[in-house]
Protein backbone atom coordinates (compact mmCIF):
# COMPACT_ATOMS: atom_id res chain seq x y z
CA MET A 1 -7.40 4.56 -10.47
CA PRO A 2 -6.40 5.44 -13.93
CA GLU A 3 -2.96 3.59 -15.17
CA LEU A 4 0.39 6.20 -14.70
CA ASN A 5 3.09 5.87 -17.02
CA PRO A 6 6.78 5.81 -15.34
CA LYS A 7 7.27 9.71 -15.43
CA GLN A 8 3.85 9.95 -13.66
CA GLN A 9 4.18 7.47 -11.03
CA GLY A 10 4.79 8.75 -7.52
CA ARG A 11 3.70 12.09 -8.07
CA ARG A 12 1.57 13.47 -5.65
CA GLN A 13 -2.05 13.60 -7.39
CA ARG A 14 -4.18 16.54 -7.36
CA GLY A 15 -6.73 17.44 -4.45
CA ARG A 16 -5.05 15.31 -1.66
CA ARG A 17 -3.28 16.98 0.68
CA GLY A 18 -0.74 15.71 3.24
CA PRO A 19 0.09 12.12 3.72
CA ARG A 20 -2.27 9.67 4.63
CA HIS A 21 0.09 7.70 6.78
CA PRO A 22 -1.43 7.84 10.63
CA ARG A 23 1.84 9.19 11.67
CA GLY A 24 0.85 12.79 9.91
CA PRO A 25 3.35 15.07 8.43
CA ARG A 26 6.41 15.50 9.54
CA ARG A 27 8.98 18.51 8.59
CA ARG A 28 11.05 17.13 6.05
CA ASP A 29 13.67 19.76 4.59
CA ASN A 30 16.71 17.79 3.50
CA VAL A 31 17.17 15.95 -0.23
CA VAL A 32 18.52 12.72 -0.55
CA MET A 33 19.03 11.73 -4.05
CA VAL A 34 19.03 7.93 -4.25
CA ARG A 35 19.34 5.63 -7.45
CA VAL A 36 16.98 2.03 -6.18
CA ASP A 37 16.58 -1.28 -8.33
CA GLU A 38 13.36 -2.18 -10.50
CA GLU A 39 12.10 -4.28 -7.52
CA ASN A 40 12.75 -1.46 -4.54
CA LEU A 41 11.24 0.75 -6.63
CA SER A 42 8.20 -1.32 -7.21
CA ARG A 43 7.67 -1.76 -3.55
CA ILE A 44 7.94 2.32 -3.51
CA ASP A 45 4.90 2.36 -5.82
CA GLU A 46 3.21 0.08 -4.46
CA LEU A 47 3.13 2.02 -1.40
CA VAL A 48 1.77 4.87 -2.99
CA ALA A 49 -0.78 3.22 -4.94
CA SER A 50 -2.45 1.90 -1.72
CA GLY A 51 -3.08 5.23 -0.86
CA GLN A 52 -1.10 5.55 2.26
CA PHE A 53 1.39 7.64 0.98
CA ASN A 54 0.81 10.68 -2.02
CA SER A 55 4.57 9.95 -3.32
CA ARG A 56 7.74 8.11 -3.90
CA SER A 57 9.04 10.55 -1.81
CA GLU A 58 6.97 10.42 1.29
CA ALA A 59 7.27 6.56 0.82
CA THR A 60 10.98 6.64 0.75
CA ALA A 61 11.25 8.68 3.78
CA PHE A 62 8.63 6.60 5.86
CA LEU A 63 11.21 3.43 4.82
CA ILE A 64 14.45 4.98 5.58
CA ASP A 65 12.43 5.88 9.19
CA GLU A 66 11.39 2.47 9.64
CA GLY A 67 14.91 1.20 9.27
CA ILE A 68 16.70 3.06 11.35
CA LYS A 69 14.23 2.78 13.96
CA PHE A 70 15.02 -0.88 13.09
CA LYS A 71 18.43 -0.74 13.78
CA GLN A 72 18.56 1.66 16.86
CA GLN A 73 20.71 -0.15 18.73
CA MET A 74 23.31 -0.19 16.05
CA PHE A 75 23.27 3.63 15.57
CA ASP A 76 23.69 3.95 19.29
CA LYS A 77 26.65 1.82 19.20
CA MET A 78 28.19 3.55 15.99
CA ALA A 79 27.45 6.94 17.77
CA GLU A 80 29.52 5.68 20.58
CA LYS A 81 32.61 4.56 18.92
CA ILE A 82 32.66 7.83 17.05
CA SER A 83 32.96 9.79 20.02
CA GLN A 84 35.23 7.44 21.12
CA ILE A 85 37.00 8.45 17.84
CA GLN A 86 36.78 11.95 18.38
CA GLY A 87 38.16 11.72 21.78
CA LEU A 88 41.46 9.84 20.61
CA LYS A 89 41.90 12.05 17.48
CA ALA A 90 41.84 15.14 19.97
CA GLU A 91 44.61 13.28 22.11
CA LEU A 92 46.35 12.80 19.15
CA GLU A 93 46.29 16.71 18.21
CA VAL A 94 47.40 17.43 21.56
CA MET A 95 50.09 15.04 21.47
CA ILE A 96 51.12 16.08 18.08
CA ALA A 97 51.21 19.85 19.07
CA GLU A 98 53.56 19.20 22.06
CA ASP A 99 56.18 17.27 20.00
CA THR A 100 56.28 19.52 17.44
CA ASN A 101 56.45 22.73 19.52
CA PRO A 102 59.63 21.56 22.04
CA SER A 103 60.01 24.45 24.76
CA GLU A 104 63.61 24.33 24.99
CA PRO A 105 66.20 24.05 22.16
CA VAL A 106 67.48 20.49 22.20
CA GLU A 107 71.04 20.90 20.59
CA GLN A 108 73.38 23.89 21.00
CA LYS A 109 75.56 25.15 18.27
CA ALA A 110 79.04 23.79 18.12
CA ASN A 111 80.62 27.47 18.57
CA GLU A 112 78.35 28.81 21.34
CA THR A 113 79.69 28.62 24.43
CA PRO A 114 77.80 27.74 27.62
CA PRO A 115 77.03 30.73 29.76
């Protein structure tokens, strides 16, 4: 494989189609821009150089997917807590709405006579 300059590293090579990783192609329609340090970039480039991925994008998507799977328990707990927080926020909204819209006037004017 010819040596690539930094701008060419991670670019898809002509003639190759689809990811080489055994999981096969997955639809990826969302773009995330991220900055990484030199060490992580080097590791991503190693994945591409190994021939398992056609681009830095494919390799990075794979690493993100693996990281999420590895931390699945944490994400499950977070989802539960987020749901609880949303429920509490809804309760607060109802409580505040009820408190700011009293059904009866609290005070009567001094010059008004009761019926």
